[in-house]
Amino acid sequence: MIWRQALIILTFTLAAVLVEVTLLSRLGIPGATPDLVVVTVVALALAMGPVQGAVAGFAAGVLIDLAPPGDTLLGVNAIVYVLIGVITGFAVDPRDRTVPLLMGIVGLSTGAAVLLTAGLDTLLGSDRVDWEQMPSLVLTAALYGLILAPGMILLTTWVVRRATPEVLVTA
């Protein structure tokens, strides 16, 4: 069971990082880059729970920190994504999941990821954060997260149900 969960987490996070770094970051759309990695961490946390969400957040954060171009300090994304994975896994009772609630969680998580990453970067002494652009970046990140969420949540839930039927998933 744990090996199947680890394989799912590794596959989804690696695929999300590769798609985000190679495709989504090069689209040139206004505002923030669509954050498929955060949406994937949220989808894994919703499908598997807070512990697996934290593991997915750590793996995704380390991978995105190491992927070029590394524009944040090493470990900042890992910290932010672990927090998002844990909080998302605990936030929603599996029996109370509705589409508006799931979409709201994804929107809040993607916007919070931008804000928390910028805050930690500033706190740790980075001068790359432009706080005047932060409201538009948070808003566009949340909007792009809402666009990516339905497909990612459905795909993740379907794979988790098929590969690990012992994990309680009701989305």
N, C-alpha and C. Protein backbone atom coordinates (compact mmCIF):
# COMPACT_ATOMS: atom_id res chain seq x y z
N MET A 1 0.82 -1.19 0.00
CA MET A 1 0.00 0.00 0.00
C MET A 1 0.86 1.25 0.00
N ILE A 2 1.86 1.31 0.86
CA ILE A 2 2.66 2.52 0.96
C ILE A 2 3.51 2.73 -0.29
N TRP A 3 3.91 1.64 -0.93
CA TRP A 3 4.70 1.77 -2.15
C TRP A 3 3.85 2.31 -3.30
N ARG A 4 2.60 1.89 -3.35
CA ARG A 4 1.71 2.40 -4.40
C ARG A 4 1.43 3.89 -4.18
N GLN A 5 1.22 4.28 -2.93
CA GLN A 5 1.00 5.69 -2.64
C GLN A 5 2.24 6.52 -2.99
N ALA A 6 3.42 6.01 -2.64
CA ALA A 6 4.67 6.72 -2.95
C ALA A 6 4.86 6.84 -4.46
N LEU A 7 4.53 5.80 -5.19
CA LEU A 7 4.66 5.84 -6.64
C LEU A 7 3.70 6.85 -7.26
N ILE A 8 2.47 6.89 -6.74
CA ILE A 8 1.51 7.88 -7.23
C ILE A 8 1.99 9.29 -6.94
N ILE A 9 2.45 9.53 -5.72
CA ILE A 9 2.92 10.86 -5.34
C ILE A 9 4.11 11.27 -6.21
N LEU A 10 5.07 10.39 -6.37
CA LEU A 10 6.25 10.71 -7.17
C LEU A 10 5.88 10.96 -8.62
N THR A 11 5.03 10.13 -9.19
CA THR A 11 4.64 10.29 -10.59
C THR A 11 3.91 11.61 -10.82
N PHE A 12 2.93 11.89 -9.97
CA PHE A 12 2.15 13.12 -10.16
C PHE A 12 2.99 14.37 -9.93
N THR A 13 3.82 14.38 -8.89
CA THR A 13 4.62 15.58 -8.62
C THR A 13 5.68 15.79 -9.70
N LEU A 14 6.33 14.73 -10.13
CA LEU A 14 7.35 14.87 -11.18
C LEU A 14 6.71 15.34 -12.48
N ALA A 15 5.57 14.77 -12.84
CA ALA A 15 4.89 15.20 -14.06
C ALA A 15 4.44 16.66 -13.97
N ALA A 16 3.92 17.06 -12.81
CA ALA A 16 3.47 18.45 -12.64
C ALA A 16 4.63 19.42 -12.75
N VAL A 17 5.76 19.09 -12.13
CA VAL A 17 6.93 19.97 -12.20
C VAL A 17 7.43 20.07 -13.64
N LEU A 18 7.51 18.94 -14.33
CA LEU A 18 7.98 18.96 -15.72
C LEU A 18 7.06 19.78 -16.62
N VAL A 19 5.75 19.60 -16.48
CA VAL A 19 4.81 20.36 -17.30
C VAL A 19 4.87 21.84 -16.97
N GLU A 20 4.97 22.16 -15.69
CA GLU A 20 5.01 23.58 -15.30
C GLU A 20 6.28 24.26 -15.79
N VAL A 21 7.42 23.60 -15.63
CA VAL A 21 8.69 24.22 -15.99
C VAL A 21 8.88 24.29 -17.51
N THR A 22 8.48 23.23 -18.22
CA THR A 22 8.74 23.20 -19.66
C THR A 22 7.63 23.82 -20.50
N LEU A 23 6.40 23.76 -20.05
CA LEU A 23 5.29 24.24 -20.87
C LEU A 23 4.62 25.49 -20.32
N LEU A 24 4.11 25.40 -19.11
CA LEU A 24 3.31 26.50 -18.57
C LEU A 24 4.11 27.78 -18.33
N SER A 25 5.37 27.65 -17.94
CA SER A 25 6.16 28.86 -17.68
C SER A 25 6.54 29.59 -18.96
N ARG A 26 6.41 28.94 -20.09
CA ARG A 26 6.78 29.55 -21.37
C ARG A 26 5.59 30.07 -22.16
N LEU A 27 4.40 30.00 -21.61
CA LEU A 27 3.21 30.43 -22.34
C LEU A 27 3.14 31.94 -22.54
N GLY A 28 3.71 32.70 -21.64
CA GLY A 28 3.69 34.14 -21.77
C GLY A 28 2.35 34.78 -21.50
N ILE A 29 1.53 34.14 -20.67
CA ILE A 29 0.24 34.71 -20.33
C ILE A 29 0.41 35.75 -19.23
N PRO A 30 -0.51 36.70 -19.13
CA PRO A 30 -0.34 37.77 -18.14
C PRO A 30 -0.47 37.27 -16.71
N GLY A 31 0.24 37.93 -15.83
CA GLY A 31 0.17 37.60 -14.40
C GLY A 31 1.11 36.48 -14.03
N ALA A 32 0.69 35.69 -13.07
CA ALA A 32 1.51 34.60 -12.55
C ALA A 32 1.51 33.41 -13.52
N THR A 33 2.50 32.56 -13.36
CA THR A 33 2.53 31.31 -14.12
C THR A 33 1.48 30.36 -13.53
N PRO A 34 0.70 29.69 -14.37
CA PRO A 34 -0.25 28.70 -13.82
C PRO A 34 0.50 27.67 -12.97
N ASP A 35 0.08 27.50 -11.73
CA ASP A 35 0.81 26.69 -10.77
C ASP A 35 0.21 25.29 -10.68
N LEU A 36 0.56 24.47 -11.64
CA LEU A 36 0.08 23.10 -11.67
C LEU A 36 0.61 22.29 -10.50
N VAL A 37 1.78 22.65 -9.99
CA VAL A 37 2.38 21.92 -8.88
C VAL A 37 1.53 22.07 -7.61
N VAL A 38 1.10 23.27 -7.30
CA VAL A 38 0.27 23.48 -6.12
C VAL A 38 -1.08 22.79 -6.29
N VAL A 39 -1.66 22.86 -7.48
CA VAL A 39 -2.93 22.18 -7.73
C VAL A 39 -2.76 20.67 -7.54
N THR A 40 -1.64 20.13 -7.97
CA THR A 40 -1.36 18.70 -7.81
C THR A 40 -1.20 18.33 -6.35
N VAL A 41 -0.49 19.15 -5.59
CA VAL A 41 -0.33 18.89 -4.15
C VAL A 41 -1.68 18.92 -3.45
N VAL A 42 -2.52 19.89 -3.79
CA VAL A 42 -3.85 19.98 -3.20
C VAL A 42 -4.68 18.76 -3.58
N ALA A 43 -4.62 18.36 -4.85
CA ALA A 43 -5.40 17.19 -5.30
C ALA A 43 -4.93 15.92 -4.59
N LEU A 44 -3.63 15.75 -4.42
CA LEU A 44 -3.11 14.57 -3.71
C LEU A 44 -3.51 14.60 -2.24
N ALA A 45 -3.46 15.78 -1.62
CA ALA A 45 -3.85 15.88 -0.21
C ALA A 45 -5.34 15.59 -0.03
N LEU A 46 -6.15 16.05 -0.95
CA LEU A 46 -7.58 15.77 -0.87
C LEU A 46 -7.88 14.30 -1.10
N ALA A 47 -7.13 13.67 -1.99
CA ALA A 47 -7.39 12.27 -2.32
C ALA A 47 -6.81 11.30 -1.31
N MET A 48 -5.68 11.65 -0.67
CA MET A 48 -4.98 10.70 0.18
C MET A 48 -4.92 11.08 1.65
N GLY A 49 -5.01 12.35 1.97
CA GLY A 49 -4.95 12.77 3.36
C GLY A 49 -3.78 13.70 3.65
N PRO A 50 -3.70 14.18 4.89
CA PRO A 50 -2.71 15.20 5.23
C PRO A 50 -1.26 14.70 5.22
N VAL A 51 -1.01 13.47 5.65
CA VAL A 51 0.37 12.97 5.67
C VAL A 51 0.91 12.84 4.26
N GLN A 52 0.12 12.21 3.39
CA GLN A 52 0.53 12.07 2.01
C GLN A 52 0.58 13.44 1.31
N GLY A 53 -0.30 14.36 1.71
CA GLY A 53 -0.24 15.72 1.19
C GLY A 53 1.04 16.42 1.57
N ALA A 54 1.50 16.20 2.80
CA ALA A 54 2.77 16.79 3.23
C ALA A 54 3.94 16.18 2.46
N VAL A 55 3.90 14.87 2.26
CA VAL A 55 4.97 14.21 1.49
C VAL A 55 4.97 14.72 0.06
N ALA A 56 3.79 14.83 -0.55
CA ALA A 56 3.70 15.36 -1.91
C ALA A 56 4.18 16.81 -1.96
N GLY A 57 3.82 17.60 -0.95
CA GLY A 57 4.26 18.99 -0.91
C GLY A 57 5.77 19.11 -0.78
N PHE A 58 6.36 18.27 0.05
CA PHE A 58 7.82 18.32 0.20
C PHE A 58 8.51 17.89 -1.09
N ALA A 59 8.06 16.80 -1.68
CA ALA A 59 8.67 16.31 -2.92
C ALA A 59 8.52 17.35 -4.04
N ALA A 60 7.34 17.89 -4.19
CA ALA A 60 7.11 18.89 -5.23
C ALA A 60 7.90 20.16 -4.97
N GLY A 61 7.98 20.58 -3.70
CA GLY A 61 8.73 21.78 -3.38
C GLY A 61 10.22 21.64 -3.64
N VAL A 62 10.78 20.51 -3.29
CA VAL A 62 12.20 20.28 -3.55
C VAL A 62 12.46 20.23 -5.05
N LEU A 63 11.59 19.53 -5.78
CA LEU A 63 11.78 19.44 -7.23
C LEU A 63 11.67 20.80 -7.90
N ILE A 64 10.71 21.61 -7.49
CA ILE A 64 10.54 22.93 -8.12
C ILE A 64 11.66 23.88 -7.69
N ASP A 65 12.19 23.70 -6.47
CA ASP A 65 13.32 24.52 -6.04
C ASP A 65 14.58 24.19 -6.83
N LEU A 66 14.75 22.93 -7.20
CA LEU A 66 15.94 22.52 -7.94
C LEU A 66 15.82 22.72 -9.44
N ALA A 67 14.60 22.86 -9.95
CA ALA A 67 14.39 23.03 -11.38
C ALA A 67 14.79 24.43 -11.81
N PRO A 68 15.40 24.55 -12.97
CA PRO A 68 15.75 25.88 -13.47
C PRO A 68 14.50 26.60 -13.96
N PRO A 69 14.37 27.87 -13.94
CA PRO A 69 15.25 28.80 -13.26
C PRO A 69 14.88 28.92 -11.79
N GLY A 70 15.80 28.67 -10.91
CA GLY A 70 15.54 28.73 -9.48
C GLY A 70 15.50 30.17 -9.02
N ASP A 71 14.32 30.75 -8.92
CA ASP A 71 14.22 32.17 -8.55
C ASP A 71 13.93 32.40 -7.08
N THR A 72 13.81 31.35 -6.29
CA THR A 72 13.63 31.50 -4.85
C THR A 72 14.78 30.81 -4.14
N LEU A 73 14.90 31.08 -2.87
CA LEU A 73 15.92 30.41 -2.07
C LEU A 73 15.58 28.93 -1.94
N LEU A 74 16.59 28.10 -1.88
CA LEU A 74 16.38 26.66 -1.82
C LEU A 74 15.62 26.28 -0.54
N GLY A 75 14.52 25.59 -0.69
CA GLY A 75 13.72 25.13 0.43
C GLY A 75 12.48 25.94 0.71
N VAL A 76 12.38 27.12 0.14
CA VAL A 76 11.22 27.98 0.40
C VAL A 76 9.95 27.34 -0.15
N ASN A 77 9.99 26.87 -1.40
CA ASN A 77 8.81 26.23 -1.97
C ASN A 77 8.47 24.94 -1.24
N ALA A 78 9.47 24.22 -0.79
CA ALA A 78 9.21 22.98 -0.04
C ALA A 78 8.44 23.28 1.24
N ILE A 79 8.83 24.32 1.95
CA ILE A 79 8.13 24.71 3.18
C ILE A 79 6.68 25.10 2.88
N VAL A 80 6.50 25.93 1.87
CA VAL A 80 5.16 26.41 1.51
C VAL A 80 4.27 25.26 1.07
N TYR A 81 4.79 24.36 0.24
CA TYR A 81 3.98 23.27 -0.28
C TYR A 81 3.65 22.23 0.79
N VAL A 82 4.57 22.03 1.74
CA VAL A 82 4.25 21.13 2.86
C VAL A 82 3.09 21.70 3.67
N LEU A 83 3.14 22.99 3.96
CA LEU A 83 2.04 23.63 4.68
C LEU A 83 0.72 23.50 3.93
N ILE A 84 0.75 23.72 2.63
CA ILE A 84 -0.46 23.61 1.83
C ILE A 84 -0.98 22.18 1.84
N GLY A 85 -0.08 21.20 1.70
CA GLY A 85 -0.50 19.80 1.71
C GLY A 85 -1.13 19.37 3.03
N VAL A 86 -0.52 19.78 4.13
CA VAL A 86 -1.04 19.40 5.44
C VAL A 86 -2.37 20.10 5.73
N ILE A 87 -2.43 21.39 5.51
CA ILE A 87 -3.65 22.14 5.80
C ILE A 87 -4.81 21.67 4.92
N THR A 88 -4.53 21.43 3.64
CA THR A 88 -5.58 20.95 2.74
C THR A 88 -6.07 19.58 3.15
N GLY A 89 -5.15 18.70 3.54
CA GLY A 89 -5.55 17.35 3.95
C GLY A 89 -6.43 17.35 5.19
N PHE A 90 -6.18 18.28 6.11
CA PHE A 90 -6.98 18.37 7.33
C PHE A 90 -8.23 19.21 7.17
N ALA A 91 -8.25 20.11 6.20
CA ALA A 91 -9.30 21.13 6.12
C ALA A 91 -10.68 20.58 5.79
N VAL A 92 -10.73 19.58 4.94
CA VAL A 92 -12.04 19.16 4.43
C VAL A 92 -12.34 17.75 4.88
N ASP A 93 -13.50 17.59 5.49
CA ASP A 93 -13.98 16.27 5.85
C ASP A 93 -14.40 15.56 4.56
N PRO A 94 -13.95 14.31 4.36
CA PRO A 94 -14.29 13.62 3.11
C PRO A 94 -15.79 13.52 2.83
N ARG A 95 -16.62 13.58 3.85
CA ARG A 95 -18.07 13.50 3.63
C ARG A 95 -18.69 14.82 3.23
N ASP A 96 -17.97 15.93 3.43
CA ASP A 96 -18.53 17.26 3.17
C ASP A 96 -17.97 17.91 1.91
N ARG A 97 -17.43 17.15 1.00
CA ARG A 97 -16.80 17.73 -0.19
C ARG A 97 -17.84 18.06 -1.24
N THR A 98 -17.85 19.32 -1.61
CA THR A 98 -18.69 19.78 -2.70
C THR A 98 -17.79 20.47 -3.72
N VAL A 99 -18.27 20.61 -4.92
CA VAL A 99 -17.46 21.23 -5.98
C VAL A 99 -17.07 22.67 -5.62
N PRO A 100 -17.99 23.52 -5.16
CA PRO A 100 -17.57 24.88 -4.80
C PRO A 100 -16.52 24.90 -3.68
N LEU A 101 -16.65 23.99 -2.72
CA LEU A 101 -15.67 23.94 -1.63
C LEU A 101 -14.30 23.53 -2.15
N LEU A 102 -14.25 22.51 -2.99
CA LEU A 102 -12.97 22.07 -3.55
C LEU A 102 -12.34 23.16 -4.41
N MET A 103 -13.14 23.82 -5.22
CA MET A 103 -12.62 24.90 -6.06
C MET A 103 -12.12 26.06 -5.20
N GLY A 104 -12.83 26.37 -4.14
CA GLY A 104 -12.38 27.43 -3.23
C GLY A 104 -11.07 27.09 -2.57
N ILE A 105 -10.90 25.84 -2.18
CA ILE A 105 -9.64 25.42 -1.55
C ILE A 105 -8.49 25.54 -2.54
N VAL A 106 -8.71 25.14 -3.77
CA VAL A 106 -7.64 25.24 -4.77
C VAL A 106 -7.31 26.71 -5.04
N GLY A 107 -8.32 27.54 -5.19
CA GLY A 107 -8.07 28.96 -5.42
C GLY A 107 -7.32 29.61 -4.27
N LEU A 108 -7.75 29.31 -3.05
CA LEU A 108 -7.04 29.86 -1.88
C LEU A 108 -5.62 29.32 -1.78
N SER A 109 -5.43 28.06 -2.09
CA SER A 109 -4.10 27.46 -1.98
C SER A 109 -3.12 28.04 -3.00
N THR A 110 -3.57 28.22 -4.24
CA THR A 110 -2.66 28.76 -5.24
C THR A 110 -2.34 30.23 -4.97
N GLY A 111 -3.33 30.99 -4.53
CA GLY A 111 -3.05 32.37 -4.15
C GLY A 111 -2.16 32.46 -2.93
N ALA A 112 -2.42 31.60 -1.95
CA ALA A 112 -1.59 31.59 -0.73
C ALA A 112 -0.17 31.17 -1.02
N ALA A 113 0.03 30.28 -1.97
CA ALA A 113 1.38 29.83 -2.31
C ALA A 113 2.22 31.00 -2.82
N VAL A 114 1.63 31.82 -3.66
CA VAL A 114 2.35 32.99 -4.18
C VAL A 114 2.69 33.95 -3.04
N LEU A 115 1.71 34.22 -2.20
CA LEU A 115 1.90 35.16 -1.10
C LEU A 115 2.90 34.65 -0.06
N LEU A 116 2.78 33.38 0.32
CA LEU A 116 3.71 32.80 1.30
C LEU A 116 5.13 32.72 0.77
N THR A 117 5.28 32.35 -0.50
CA THR A 117 6.62 32.28 -1.09
C THR A 117 7.26 33.66 -1.11
N ALA A 118 6.51 34.66 -1.49
CA ALA A 118 7.05 36.03 -1.51
C ALA A 118 7.39 36.50 -0.10
N GLY A 119 6.52 36.19 0.86
CA GLY A 119 6.79 36.59 2.24
C GLY A 119 8.02 35.92 2.81
N LEU A 120 8.17 34.61 2.58
CA LEU A 120 9.36 33.92 3.07
C LEU A 120 10.63 34.41 2.38
N ASP A 121 10.54 34.66 1.07
CA ASP A 121 11.71 35.19 0.36
C ASP A 121 12.13 36.54 0.93
N THR A 122 11.17 37.40 1.19
CA THR A 122 11.48 38.71 1.76
C THR A 122 12.03 38.57 3.17
N LEU A 123 11.44 37.70 3.95
CA LEU A 123 11.89 37.47 5.32
C LEU A 123 13.33 36.95 5.36
N LEU A 124 13.68 36.14 4.37
CA LEU A 124 15.02 35.56 4.32
C LEU A 124 16.03 36.43 3.59
N GLY A 125 15.62 37.63 3.17
CA GLY A 125 16.57 38.59 2.64
C GLY A 125 16.64 38.69 1.13
N SER A 126 15.75 38.08 0.42
CA SER A 126 15.76 38.17 -1.04
C SER A 126 15.17 39.51 -1.46
N ASP A 127 15.77 40.10 -2.49
CA ASP A 127 15.28 41.38 -2.97
C ASP A 127 14.56 41.25 -4.32
N ARG A 128 14.13 40.06 -4.68
CA ARG A 128 13.48 39.80 -5.96
C ARG A 128 11.97 40.01 -5.93
N VAL A 129 11.40 40.24 -4.78
CA VAL A 129 9.95 40.36 -4.66
C VAL A 129 9.53 41.80 -4.92
N ASP A 130 8.59 41.97 -5.85
CA ASP A 130 8.00 43.27 -6.14
C ASP A 130 6.60 43.30 -5.53
N TRP A 131 6.49 43.93 -4.37
CA TRP A 131 5.23 43.89 -3.63
C TRP A 131 4.12 44.69 -4.31
N GLU A 132 4.47 45.58 -5.23
CA GLU A 132 3.43 46.32 -5.95
C GLU A 132 2.66 45.43 -6.91
N GLN A 133 3.30 44.39 -7.42
CA GLN A 133 2.64 43.45 -8.34
C GLN A 133 1.96 42.30 -7.62
N MET A 134 2.14 42.19 -6.33
CA MET A 134 1.65 41.04 -5.60
C MET A 134 0.13 40.85 -5.68
N PRO A 135 -0.72 41.89 -5.58
CA PRO A 135 -2.16 41.63 -5.69
C PRO A 135 -2.57 41.00 -7.03
N SER A 136 -2.00 41.48 -8.12
CA SER A 136 -2.36 40.90 -9.42
C SER A 136 -1.79 39.49 -9.57
N LEU A 137 -0.62 39.23 -9.02
CA LEU A 137 -0.05 37.88 -9.09
C LEU A 137 -0.88 36.88 -8.28
N VAL A 138 -1.31 37.28 -7.09
CA VAL A 138 -2.13 36.40 -6.26
C VAL A 138 -3.47 36.12 -6.95
N LEU A 139 -4.07 37.15 -7.52
CA LEU A 139 -5.36 36.99 -8.19
C LEU A 139 -5.25 36.09 -9.42
N THR A 140 -4.23 36.32 -10.26
CA THR A 140 -4.09 35.49 -11.46
C THR A 140 -3.68 34.06 -11.10
N ALA A 141 -2.88 33.88 -10.06
CA ALA A 141 -2.52 32.53 -9.63
C ALA A 141 -3.76 31.76 -9.17
N ALA A 142 -4.62 32.43 -8.42
CA ALA A 142 -5.85 31.78 -7.97
C ALA A 142 -6.76 31.47 -9.16
N LEU A 143 -6.86 32.37 -10.12
CA LEU A 143 -7.69 32.14 -11.30
C LEU A 143 -7.17 30.96 -12.12
N TYR A 144 -5.87 30.92 -12.37
CA TYR A 144 -5.29 29.81 -13.13
C TYR A 144 -5.42 28.49 -12.37
N GLY A 145 -5.32 28.55 -11.05
CA GLY A 145 -5.52 27.35 -10.25
C GLY A 145 -6.94 26.83 -10.37
N LEU A 146 -7.91 27.74 -10.41
CA LEU A 146 -9.31 27.34 -10.59
C LEU A 146 -9.54 26.70 -11.96
N ILE A 147 -8.81 27.16 -12.97
CA ILE A 147 -8.95 26.59 -14.31
C ILE A 147 -8.36 25.18 -14.36
N LEU A 148 -7.22 24.98 -13.69
CA LEU A 148 -6.56 23.67 -13.71
C LEU A 148 -7.18 22.65 -12.76
N ALA A 149 -7.91 23.12 -11.77
CA ALA A 149 -8.37 22.25 -10.68
C ALA A 149 -9.29 21.11 -11.09
N PRO A 150 -10.34 21.34 -11.86
CA PRO A 150 -11.28 20.23 -12.11
C PRO A 150 -10.61 19.00 -12.73
N GLY A 151 -9.82 19.21 -13.74
CA GLY A 151 -9.17 18.08 -14.39
C GLY A 151 -8.18 17.37 -13.48
N MET A 152 -7.40 18.14 -12.74
CA MET A 152 -6.38 17.54 -11.87
C MET A 152 -7.00 16.80 -10.71
N ILE A 153 -8.02 17.36 -10.09
CA ILE A 153 -8.67 16.69 -8.95
C ILE A 153 -9.36 15.40 -9.41
N LEU A 154 -10.05 15.46 -10.54
CA LEU A 154 -10.72 14.25 -11.05
C LEU A 154 -9.72 13.17 -11.42
N LEU A 155 -8.65 13.54 -12.11
CA LEU A 155 -7.63 12.56 -12.50
C LEU A 155 -6.96 11.94 -11.29
N THR A 156 -6.58 12.76 -10.33
CA THR A 156 -5.91 12.26 -9.13
C THR A 156 -6.84 11.34 -8.33
N THR A 157 -8.07 11.75 -8.15
CA THR A 157 -9.02 10.93 -7.40
C THR A 157 -9.25 9.59 -8.10
N TRP A 158 -9.38 9.61 -9.40
CA TRP A 158 -9.60 8.37 -10.15
C TRP A 158 -8.40 7.42 -10.02
N VAL A 159 -7.18 7.96 -10.16
CA VAL A 159 -5.98 7.11 -10.06
C VAL A 159 -5.84 6.56 -8.64
N VAL A 160 -6.07 7.38 -7.63
CA VAL A 160 -5.94 6.91 -6.25
C VAL A 160 -6.97 5.84 -5.95
N ARG A 161 -8.19 6.02 -6.41
CA ARG A 161 -9.23 5.00 -6.18
C ARG A 161 -8.87 3.68 -6.86
N ARG A 162 -8.32 3.75 -8.05
CA ARG A 162 -7.95 2.54 -8.79
C ARG A 162 -6.74 1.85 -8.20
N ALA A 163 -5.72 2.61 -7.86
CA ALA A 163 -4.44 2.02 -7.44
C ALA A 163 -4.39 1.67 -5.96
N THR A 164 -5.09 2.43 -5.14
CA THR A 164 -5.07 2.19 -3.70
C THR A 164 -6.50 2.20 -3.17
N PRO A 165 -7.24 1.13 -3.37
CA PRO A 165 -8.63 1.12 -2.92
C PRO A 165 -8.76 1.15 -1.40
N GLU A 166 -7.69 0.88 -0.67
CA GLU A 166 -7.76 0.89 0.79
C GLU A 166 -7.73 2.31 1.35
N VAL A 167 -7.35 3.30 0.54
CA VAL A 167 -7.33 4.69 0.98
C VAL A 167 -8.74 5.24 0.84
N LEU A 168 -9.23 5.90 1.87
CA LEU A 168 -10.57 6.46 1.86
C LEU A 168 -10.58 7.70 0.99
N VAL A 169 -11.26 7.62 -0.12
CA VAL A 169 -11.37 8.76 -1.04
C VAL A 169 -12.83 8.94 -1.38
N THR A 170 -13.33 10.12 -1.10
CA THR A 170 -14.70 10.44 -1.50
C THR A 170 -14.73 11.87 -1.99
N ALA A 171 -14.44 12.06 -3.23
CA ALA A 171 -14.47 13.39 -3.80
C ALA A 171 -15.50 13.49 -4.88
